[in-house]
Amino acid sequence: MRHLAFYKELAKCPDEVCDVWRTVAAGLLVLRYFDWWLTDGPGITLDQGASTRLAQALEEIPRSARPARRLLQHAVSLITASPNDDPTLAVGPLLGYARYLEEQRSDHLAADVLLSVIDALMPLHAQYDPHTPTIALLRLANIQRRTGAFDDAAVNYERAIALANTIDDRSVLLTVQLWRAGLWRDRGNLGDAELEYTQLLSLATDLPHLRSMLLRGRGATHQRRGQADDAIRDLYEAFTLAQSDADREVILGDLASCAADSGLRTLARQIHESLAIHARGAVARAYALANCFEHAIVDGDQVRYRELRHRLRTQCDFSALPGELELHVAYLSARGLERFGGADVALAAYDDVATHAHQAKRFHIEHEARSRIDALRAGTAAAMTPAVRELPPSLDDIAKAVTTLRVHVTS
């Protein structure tokens, strides 16, 4: 059944006048119009009743979803005015609509839209520019990877790679392969992921932005393998190659988290506290605040813990941030309750985190929460004080450089 995700979303609505119903119903009507146009070809016309219902549905999209209304209206106007059944004429606003849905954390709806675009373009990729279906496949695979549908993601990465090989743009092929390596890392194939990142780095010597992304991915792989010093070196090089302040802030946050995990807590704390104050990007700033929150818990600083919990609640709009971050903060709050409030209050908090993490398919967070539940019920106290180590001489120059660059970039 086509557009099943939209029908399921409508079935969850309490009534037919709520904002979610009106927004989702309008998107479904436009997708069905797009399907009809592709099937029946140019020159199709809606009868007066259907045309009125479509126009009314678009007008009833609430103000809070105004970007969706503009994109859907544009798609309808292109379909209506099209002199032929070339789907490339209408997919632009539909791809924009899929991006909007991703930003609204409606990955299941975004994937449905991308599937419609891919189904329309794939039979014609030899006739038209194959770049658009390649990017659509990449975006679909990224959503599937993010939502835990790893097998489906693997299939669509391979489809995207096959198409990218027909494009005279090396960066597109390398980008798809970069994301596929990330899938291998997520699935625990760390050796394969590291090898792929290394091979791709040798092919991207003249593409600094792509090299930065590859080094960041390899650094994350090193971190997962317990190779913290190698991870820090890769992340620092990725930082120096990054093309924007936003990218530099995110990579700097990754480097600080890696330093914290490996016992370099003084360096990590300095970077996180600076980013929490000075970072321009909302995501980087929110992640830095969350990490400062964790530092306060680990350090046993209850005053700082309460201050940061308040800041996270009042300064972070989690609806506009990655869903995993909100769950991570909830998990940290439960850890804080365990440390400062006792096992009884922490148990309920951990259980709530585990339930929501399972629903969101963030199974690593669910595992952490359930592990603490089991430990608390068994009377095992949490190891709140991690190992701390001195900065090794091999990283001294990087630490000094990062501290200097940190002030320059974020001030």
Foldseek 3Di string as FASTA:
>chain_A
DAPVLLVVQCVPDPDCLDLSNLLSVLVVLLLVVLVVCLVPKPPDDDPPVSVVVNVVSLVSNDPVPVLLSVLSVVLVVQSNPDPINQCVSRVVSLLVNLVVCVLQVNLVNSLSSLVSSLVSPVVCCVVDPLPVNLVSLLVNLVSCLQQVVLVSSLVSLVVSLVSVVVDPDVVSNLVSLLVVLVSCVVVVVLVVSLVSLVVSLVVCVPPLQSQLSSLQSNLVSCLVVVNLVSSLVSLLSSLVSHDDLLSNLVSLLVNLVSCVVNQAPVLSLVLLVLCCPQPPDLASNLSSLLVNLLVCLLVVPVVSNVVSVVCNVPPHPCSSYDPVSVLSSLLSVLSSCCRPPHDVVSLVSLVVSLVVCVVSVVVVSNVVSVVVNVCVVVVHRDPSHDHHDDDDPVCPVVSVVCVVVSVVSRD
